[in-house]
Amino acid sequence: MNKVRFGVVGIGNMGSSHAKNLFDGMIDNAVLSAVCDVNPQKLDWANENLSGVSLFNNYRDLLTSGLVDAVIIATPHYLHPVIAIEAFEHKLNVLTEKPAGVYIEKVEEMNSAALSSGKTFGIMYNQRTNPIFRKAREILLSGEAGNLKRVIWIITNWYRRQEYYDSGSWRATWRDEGGGVLINQSPHNIDILQWLVGMPQKVTASCYYGKYHDIEVEDDVSAFFEFPDGGTGAFFTSTGENPGTNRLEISCDKAKIVIENGKLCLWKYDIPETEYRKFTSAEYKNVSCEYSEFIPDKDEKSAHNQILQNFVNNILFGEELIAPGYDGIKGLSISNAIHLSDWTNAPVELPLDSKKHKKYLDEKIKNSKPKNKIVKDDSIKTGKASSRWDVNW
């Protein structure tokens, strides 16, 4: 195989952006062969803008067409694992948009299908390419920061107006989207958090549903974590604050990391704080430290295209995946645990009791109500990712 032939299933905001990047040759050794969508308007757009690319209105026809080696799944969330499982059955490579799914049981089924197929499986966790997060991970994995004491992430600059939620009948509903800020905007943050400091073992959370918007899902979340080695954490996210904040603090016994406004600040202690606290006699004096900053250069390729290029390189050359699809279950486990903790008004242990979570989610879906507002169709705004992703990282 000299080039990977791609099919894109779902050509809305993100799917059309991936399709256009492939079509325009932005990804080396890759070609766009087919796209699929159930919306005729989107296929009309594809016919006008993706000349020569095969069009489908049923994803199963695309999967069995013989035209593609890999699929990008950019559909509503519940369909991510459903389509991925069928793609693996047809021995196709799969790159899914985030989240991996809405609930753990189906994602476990998807991971099992991926493993059985032996094909490349990736997820669009594009923030793993961010040089600041990569630098933080390098520091933490090297051991120079020491043991985790506390991690705090305030990520409230996912601001959304009511118009955003009214732009699609599926948005912000339990039936069609499966959640709010936790399942739509914050999966990147939750993934990066666990990618840097590992998985918590206990989650206690409060969610607020329709606090700032006329929606039935959560738009404001406060969560607290306990980690296996004694570290603690807090995570705050919202789509109802403007201007919002994006500040990540990671405190360890040998160093402290703060990421904010496109910069990583690092304080490296001359003596581990745990030793200084026990043996120094200097009353009220802070431990001395070395301060440094890391400000990355701009990457030539967008974060999405870096993930896509890495996915192609894995298929053709065996390059290690930046974001393996199997990792999607980790962040989803945390967001599911946050929901379950709020629904039960109790702490939730990880690994998650997925059946218990699904029981509560099914009740939410059962009571999900159709939107009573006139919904504006944004389906023809395709070909470029909208500015809603222009978040100050």
Protein backbone atom coordinates (compact mmCIF):
# COMPACT_ATOMS: atom_id res chain seq x y z
CA MET A 1 0.00 0.00 0.00
CA ASN A 2 1.51 3.33 -1.11
CA LYS A 3 -1.38 5.56 -0.07
CA VAL A 4 -4.13 5.14 2.48
CA ARG A 5 -7.58 5.57 0.90
CA PHE A 6 -9.95 7.31 3.32
CA GLY A 7 -13.68 7.40 3.70
CA VAL A 8 -15.25 10.01 6.00
CA VAL A 9 -18.52 9.09 7.66
CA GLY A 10 -20.35 12.25 8.69
CA ILE A 11 -19.39 15.48 6.91
CA GLY A 12 -20.66 18.09 9.30
CA ASN A 13 -18.35 20.55 11.04
CA MET A 14 -15.38 18.31 11.82
CA GLY A 15 -15.93 15.58 9.24
CA SER A 16 -16.03 18.03 6.35
CA SER A 17 -12.85 19.67 7.64
CA HIS A 18 -11.04 16.32 7.67
CA ALA A 19 -12.40 15.51 4.22
CA LYS A 20 -11.25 18.84 2.78
CA ASN A 21 -7.78 18.50 4.28
CA LEU A 22 -7.41 15.04 2.75
CA PHE A 23 -8.81 16.21 -0.58
CA ASP A 24 -6.44 19.20 -0.67
CA GLY A 25 -3.40 16.98 -0.09
CA MET A 26 -2.63 18.25 3.40
CA ILE A 27 -1.84 14.69 4.57
CA ASP A 28 1.12 12.88 3.01
CA ASN A 29 0.50 9.44 1.52
CA ALA A 30 -3.26 9.73 1.92
CA VAL A 31 -6.17 10.28 -0.44
CA LEU A 32 -9.88 10.94 0.07
CA SER A 33 -11.89 8.28 -1.77
CA ALA A 34 -15.39 8.53 -0.32
CA VAL A 35 -17.66 10.45 2.03
CA CYS A 36 -21.00 9.58 3.59
CA ASP A 37 -23.83 11.53 5.17
CA VAL A 38 -27.57 11.09 5.58
CA ASN A 39 -28.17 14.79 4.90
CA PRO A 40 -28.63 15.52 1.16
CA GLN A 41 -27.41 19.11 1.62
CA LYS A 42 -24.08 17.88 2.87
CA LEU A 43 -23.74 15.50 -0.07
CA ASP A 44 -24.54 18.42 -2.39
CA TRP A 45 -21.69 20.33 -0.75
CA ALA A 46 -19.39 17.33 -1.24
CA ASN A 47 -20.39 17.02 -4.89
CA GLU A 48 -19.45 20.66 -5.46
CA ASN A 49 -16.27 20.76 -3.38
CA LEU A 50 -14.84 17.23 -3.50
CA SER A 51 -14.84 16.48 -7.21
CA GLY A 52 -14.37 12.82 -8.08
CA VAL A 53 -14.95 11.54 -4.54
CA SER A 54 -17.60 8.82 -4.22
CA LEU A 55 -20.71 9.81 -2.28
CA PHE A 56 -22.81 7.58 -0.01
CA ASN A 57 -25.90 8.14 2.11
CA ASN A 58 -25.50 4.87 4.02
CA TYR A 59 -22.28 4.15 5.90
CA ARG A 60 -22.61 0.39 5.39
CA ASP A 61 -22.42 0.90 1.63
CA LEU A 62 -19.22 2.88 2.10
CA LEU A 63 -17.70 0.21 4.36
CA THR A 64 -18.35 -2.54 1.82
CA SER A 65 -17.50 -0.51 -1.29
CA GLY A 66 -13.89 -1.63 -1.55
CA LEU A 67 -12.93 2.02 -2.09
CA VAL A 68 -11.37 2.68 1.32
CA ASP A 69 -8.65 1.33 3.58
CA ALA A 70 -9.59 3.51 6.55
CA VAL A 71 -12.56 5.46 7.85
CA ILE A 72 -12.85 8.63 9.87
CA ILE A 73 -16.00 8.60 12.02
CA ALA A 74 -17.42 12.08 12.64
CA THR A 75 -21.05 11.33 13.43
CA PRO A 76 -23.17 12.02 16.54
CA HIS A 77 -21.58 10.43 19.61
CA TYR A 78 -23.70 7.32 20.08
CA LEU A 79 -22.76 6.12 16.58
CA HIS A 80 -18.97 6.27 17.05
CA PRO A 81 -18.56 2.74 18.46
CA VAL A 82 -21.42 1.32 16.36
CA ILE A 83 -19.80 2.31 13.06
CA ALA A 84 -16.30 1.50 14.29
CA ILE A 85 -17.29 -2.07 15.19
CA GLU A 86 -18.70 -2.67 11.71
CA ALA A 87 -15.64 -1.09 10.11
CA PHE A 88 -13.34 -3.43 12.03
CA GLU A 89 -15.47 -6.38 10.93
CA HIS A 90 -14.68 -5.34 7.34
CA LYS A 91 -10.95 -5.13 8.21
CA LEU A 92 -10.74 -1.37 7.88
CA ASN A 93 -8.55 0.96 9.91
CA VAL A 94 -10.53 3.38 12.10
CA LEU A 95 -9.94 6.93 13.32
CA THR A 96 -12.86 8.11 15.43
CA GLU A 97 -13.66 11.60 16.58
CA LYS A 98 -13.95 12.12 20.31
CA PRO A 99 -15.60 10.98 22.47
CA ALA A 100 -15.05 7.26 22.03
CA GLY A 101 -18.74 6.83 22.81
CA VAL A 102 -21.27 7.85 25.41
CA TYR A 103 -21.13 4.86 27.76
CA ILE A 104 -18.46 2.33 28.67
CA GLU A 105 -20.16 -0.94 27.68
CA LYS A 106 -20.31 -0.05 23.98
CA VAL A 107 -16.77 1.32 23.99
CA GLU A 108 -15.50 -1.92 25.52
CA GLU A 109 -17.20 -3.76 22.66
CA MET A 110 -15.51 -1.43 20.16
CA ASN A 111 -12.09 -1.96 21.75
CA SER A 112 -12.56 -5.72 21.59
CA ALA A 113 -13.50 -5.52 17.89
CA ALA A 114 -10.43 -3.38 17.21
CA LEU A 115 -8.15 -5.87 18.95
CA SER A 116 -9.63 -8.81 17.06
CA SER A 117 -9.25 -7.04 13.72
CA GLY A 118 -5.57 -6.22 14.14
CA LYS A 119 -6.15 -2.93 12.33
CA THR A 120 -4.95 0.54 13.29
CA PHE A 121 -7.29 2.25 15.76
CA GLY A 122 -6.96 5.94 16.63
CA ILE A 123 -8.98 8.70 18.27
CA MET A 124 -8.90 12.41 17.46
CA TYR A 125 -7.34 13.56 20.72
CA ASN A 126 -5.62 16.38 18.88
CA GLN A 127 -4.53 18.20 22.04
CA ARG A 128 -1.96 15.45 22.64
CA THR A 129 0.07 17.15 19.89
CA ASN A 130 0.13 20.43 21.83
CA PRO A 131 3.83 21.11 22.63
CA ILE A 132 2.96 22.48 26.08
CA PHE A 133 1.14 19.33 27.15
CA ARG A 134 3.87 17.18 25.62
CA LYS A 135 6.48 19.12 27.60
CA ALA A 136 4.49 18.68 30.80
CA ARG A 137 4.19 14.95 30.15
CA GLU A 138 7.94 14.73 29.51
CA ILE A 139 8.65 16.40 32.86
CA LEU A 140 6.21 14.21 34.76
CA LEU A 141 7.28 10.91 33.15
CA SER A 142 10.96 11.66 33.74
CA GLY A 143 10.36 11.72 37.48
CA GLU A 144 11.93 15.15 37.94
CA ALA A 145 8.66 16.53 39.31
CA GLY A 146 8.30 13.72 41.83
CA ASN A 147 5.06 12.40 43.22
CA LEU A 148 1.69 14.04 42.55
CA LYS A 149 0.22 16.07 45.38
CA ARG A 150 -2.59 17.91 43.62
CA VAL A 151 -3.87 18.71 40.13
CA ILE A 152 -6.38 21.49 39.48
CA TRP A 153 -7.84 22.37 36.09
CA ILE A 154 -10.20 25.30 35.67
CA ILE A 155 -11.43 25.12 32.08
CA THR A 156 -14.35 27.49 31.73
CA ASN A 157 -13.55 29.14 28.40
CA TRP A 158 -15.76 26.78 26.43
CA TYR A 159 -18.33 29.59 26.31
CA ARG A 160 -21.47 28.94 24.24
CA ARG A 161 -24.46 31.15 23.45
CA GLN A 162 -27.97 29.74 23.29
CA GLU A 163 -27.74 30.02 19.51
CA TYR A 164 -25.12 27.27 19.49
CA TYR A 165 -27.43 24.82 21.22
CA ASP A 166 -30.32 25.80 18.95
CA SER A 167 -28.28 25.12 15.81
CA GLY A 168 -29.03 21.40 15.74
CA SER A 169 -31.90 19.23 16.95
CA TRP A 170 -29.45 16.69 18.42
CA ARG A 171 -27.40 19.16 20.44
CA ALA A 172 -27.51 19.07 24.25
CA THR A 173 -30.00 16.20 24.50
CA TRP A 174 -29.62 12.94 26.38
CA ARG A 175 -31.23 11.04 23.54
CA ASP A 176 -28.95 12.21 20.73
CA GLU A 177 -25.78 13.69 22.26
CA GLY A 178 -25.58 11.82 25.55
CA GLY A 179 -24.52 14.75 27.70
CA GLY A 180 -23.32 18.33 27.65
CA VAL A 181 -19.97 19.93 28.36
CA LEU A 182 -18.51 16.65 29.64
CA ILE A 183 -19.25 14.73 26.45
CA ASN A 184 -18.85 17.54 23.90
CA GLN A 185 -16.30 20.17 24.88
CA SER A 186 -14.25 18.73 27.76
CA PRO A 187 -13.22 15.23 26.57
CA HIS A 188 -9.93 16.77 25.41
CA ASN A 189 -9.23 18.19 28.86
CA ILE A 190 -10.19 15.02 30.69
CA ASP A 191 -7.99 12.98 28.37
CA ILE A 192 -5.02 15.30 28.86
CA LEU A 193 -5.51 15.24 32.62
CA GLN A 194 -5.31 11.44 32.81
CA TRP A 195 -2.54 11.39 30.15
CA LEU A 196 -0.42 13.58 32.42
CA VAL A 197 -1.14 12.32 35.93
CA GLY A 198 -2.93 8.99 35.49
CA MET A 199 -6.39 7.74 36.33
CA PRO A 200 -8.10 8.66 39.60
CA GLN A 201 -9.49 5.93 41.81
CA LYS A 202 -12.42 7.91 43.24
CA VAL A 203 -14.60 10.69 41.80
CA THR A 204 -17.01 12.98 43.66
CA ALA A 205 -18.90 15.50 41.55
CA SER A 206 -21.77 17.93 41.14
CA CYS A 207 -23.31 18.75 37.77
CA TYR A 208 -25.78 21.49 36.95
CA TYR A 209 -28.21 20.92 34.09
CA GLY A 210 -29.37 23.87 32.04
CA LYS A 211 -27.89 26.26 34.59
CA TYR A 212 -26.97 28.86 31.98
CA HIS A 213 -28.83 27.65 28.87
CA ASP A 214 -32.19 26.24 27.85
CA ILE A 215 -30.91 22.66 27.60
CA GLU A 216 -31.49 19.38 29.44
CA VAL A 217 -27.83 18.35 29.90
CA GLU A 218 -25.00 19.71 32.05
CA ASP A 219 -23.40 23.07 31.30
CA ASP A 220 -21.53 23.46 34.60
CA VAL A 221 -19.45 20.83 36.44
CA SER A 222 -17.36 20.62 39.61
CA ALA A 223 -15.48 17.35 40.16
CA PHE A 224 -13.01 16.14 42.77
CA PHE A 225 -10.56 13.26 42.35
CA GLU A 226 -8.54 10.96 44.58
CA PHE A 227 -5.54 9.19 43.04
CA PRO A 228 -4.03 5.84 44.04
CA ASP A 229 -0.82 7.31 45.51
CA GLY A 230 -2.57 9.87 47.69
CA GLY A 231 -2.74 12.78 45.24
CA THR A 232 -5.94 14.76 44.88
CA GLY A 233 -7.50 16.75 42.07
CA ALA A 234 -10.22 19.19 41.11
CA PHE A 235 -11.78 19.83 37.72
CA PHE A 236 -14.13 22.72 36.93
CA THR A 237 -15.70 23.24 33.52
CA SER A 238 -18.58 25.26 32.10
CA THR A 239 -20.03 26.69 28.90
CA GLY A 240 -21.66 29.59 30.73
CA GLU A 241 -18.78 31.83 31.80
CA ASN A 242 -17.39 34.71 29.75
CA PRO A 243 -14.57 35.48 29.85
CA GLY A 244 -13.61 32.02 30.97
CA THR A 245 -10.40 30.66 32.47
CA ASN A 246 -8.07 27.91 31.30
CA ARG A 247 -5.51 27.20 34.01
CA LEU A 248 -3.90 23.85 34.80
CA GLU A 249 -1.82 23.45 37.96
CA ILE A 250 0.09 20.29 38.82
CA SER A 251 1.76 20.28 42.24
CA CYS A 252 4.28 17.55 43.02
CA ASP A 253 6.83 17.12 45.80
CA LYS A 254 9.79 18.11 43.61
CA ALA A 255 8.21 20.69 41.29
CA LYS A 256 5.14 22.64 40.34
CA ILE A 257 3.78 23.13 36.82
CA VAL A 258 1.32 25.83 35.78
CA ILE A 259 -0.05 25.99 32.23
CA GLU A 260 -1.95 29.12 31.24
CA ASN A 261 -2.07 31.58 28.33
CA GLY A 262 0.03 29.44 26.00
CA LYS A 263 2.91 29.10 28.47
CA LEU A 264 4.25 26.43 30.82
CA CYS A 265 5.76 27.72 34.07
CA LEU A 266 7.97 25.34 36.03
CA TRP A 267 9.26 25.65 39.59
CA LYS A 268 11.87 22.96 40.40
CA TYR A 269 12.63 22.70 44.10
CA ASP A 270 16.24 22.53 45.25
CA ILE A 271 15.14 19.98 47.85
CA PRO A 272 11.98 17.85 47.63
CA GLU A 273 9.28 19.58 49.64
CA THR A 274 8.65 16.43 51.66
CA GLU A 275 12.26 16.49 52.92
CA TYR A 276 12.37 20.25 53.39
CA ARG A 277 9.22 20.18 55.49
CA LYS A 278 10.65 17.58 57.86
CA PHE A 279 14.24 18.67 58.28
CA THR A 280 14.55 22.44 57.80
CA SER A 281 14.59 24.74 60.81
CA ALA A 282 13.91 27.97 58.88
CA GLU A 283 10.55 29.13 60.22
CA TYR A 284 8.00 30.20 57.56
CA LYS A 285 10.60 30.17 54.79
CA ASN A 286 9.57 28.68 51.46
CA VAL A 287 11.69 26.02 49.83
CA SER A 288 14.09 27.56 47.30
CA CYS A 289 13.53 26.71 43.67
CA GLU A 290 14.62 27.29 40.09
CA TYR A 291 12.02 28.94 37.86
CA SER A 292 11.78 28.48 34.08
CA GLU A 293 9.24 28.98 31.28
CA PHE A 294 8.44 27.06 28.15
CA ILE A 295 6.73 28.83 25.24
CA PRO A 296 6.41 26.60 22.17
CA ASP A 297 6.90 27.54 18.54
CA LYS A 298 3.92 27.24 16.22
CA ASP A 299 3.56 23.88 14.47
CA GLU A 300 3.28 23.85 10.68
CA LYS A 301 0.42 21.36 10.68
CA SER A 302 -2.78 21.85 12.62
CA ALA A 303 -3.30 19.61 15.63
CA HIS A 304 -6.04 17.67 13.82
CA ASN A 305 -3.80 17.09 10.82
CA GLN A 306 -0.92 15.97 13.04
CA ILE A 307 -3.13 13.22 14.46
CA LEU A 308 -4.29 12.28 10.96
CA GLN A 309 -0.73 12.22 9.61
CA ASN A 310 0.43 10.09 12.54
CA PHE A 311 -2.48 7.69 11.90
CA VAL A 312 -1.39 7.31 8.25
CA ASN A 313 2.24 6.84 9.26
CA ASN A 314 1.23 4.09 11.67
CA ILE A 315 -0.60 2.21 8.92
CA LEU A 316 2.20 2.55 6.37
CA PHE A 317 5.37 2.67 8.47
CA GLY A 318 4.47 1.44 11.95
CA GLU A 319 4.93 4.83 13.64
CA GLU A 320 3.72 4.80 17.25
CA LEU A 321 0.27 6.30 17.63
CA ILE A 322 -0.02 9.57 19.53
CA ALA A 323 -3.63 8.83 20.43
CA PRO A 324 -4.53 5.12 20.32
CA GLY A 325 -8.27 4.55 20.08
CA TYR A 326 -8.09 2.22 23.06
CA ASP A 327 -7.30 5.26 25.25
CA GLY A 328 -10.75 6.72 24.62
CA ILE A 329 -12.25 4.57 27.36
CA LYS A 330 -10.07 6.24 30.01
CA GLY A 331 -11.43 9.76 29.67
CA LEU A 332 -14.94 8.42 29.12
CA SER A 333 -14.69 6.44 32.36
CA ILE A 334 -13.92 9.67 34.21
CA SER A 335 -16.77 11.65 32.62
CA ASN A 336 -19.19 8.76 33.19
CA ALA A 337 -18.05 8.63 36.83
CA ILE A 338 -18.67 12.38 37.18
CA HIS A 339 -22.22 11.94 35.89
CA LEU A 340 -22.86 8.90 38.08
CA SER A 341 -21.54 10.63 41.19
CA ASP A 342 -23.94 13.50 40.64
CA TRP A 343 -26.88 11.21 39.80
CA THR A 344 -26.33 9.12 42.94
CA ASN A 345 -25.10 11.96 45.17
CA ALA A 346 -22.19 9.76 46.23
CA PRO A 347 -18.50 9.16 45.46
CA VAL A 348 -17.83 6.73 42.59
CA GLU A 349 -14.96 4.26 42.54
CA LEU A 350 -12.99 3.46 39.40
CA PRO A 351 -13.03 1.12 37.52
CA LEU A 352 -16.58 2.27 36.89
CA ASP A 353 -19.67 0.14 37.48
CA SER A 354 -20.71 0.51 33.83
CA LYS A 355 -24.05 -1.26 34.23
CA LYS A 356 -25.09 1.09 37.02
CA HIS A 357 -24.13 4.12 34.92
CA LYS A 358 -26.02 2.78 31.91
CA LYS A 359 -29.13 2.23 34.00
CA TYR A 360 -29.21 5.90 35.02
CA LEU A 361 -28.35 7.07 31.50
CA ASP A 362 -31.19 5.01 30.02
CA GLU A 363 -33.60 6.78 32.36
CA LYS A 364 -32.28 10.14 31.18
CA ILE A 365 -32.73 9.06 27.56
CA LYS A 366 -36.26 7.83 28.26
CA ASN A 367 -37.22 11.24 29.65
CA SER A 368 -35.37 13.24 27.00
CA LYS A 369 -37.73 15.68 25.32
CA PRO A 370 -37.71 16.97 21.73
CA LYS A 371 -36.68 20.58 21.37
CA ASN A 372 -39.60 22.97 21.18
CA LYS A 373 -37.60 25.72 19.52
CA ILE A 374 -37.17 26.32 15.82
CA VAL A 375 -33.83 24.73 15.04
CA LYS A 376 -31.57 26.49 12.56
CA ASP A 377 -29.85 24.08 10.22
CA ASP A 378 -26.10 24.68 10.19
CA SER A 379 -25.39 21.64 8.04
CA ILE A 380 -24.11 23.57 5.04
CA LYS A 381 -21.40 25.30 7.05
CA THR A 382 -18.92 22.68 6.01
CA GLY A 383 -15.33 22.35 4.86
CA LYS A 384 -13.66 24.17 7.73
CA ALA A 385 -13.78 23.63 11.47
CA SER A 386 -15.77 26.44 13.05
CA SER A 387 -14.30 29.01 15.40
CA ARG A 388 -15.86 27.23 18.37
CA TRP A 389 -12.58 25.29 18.61
CA ASP A 390 -10.48 28.43 18.87
CA VAL A 391 -9.95 27.95 22.59
CA ASN A 392 -6.96 29.57 24.29
CA TRP A 393 -4.97 26.56 25.40
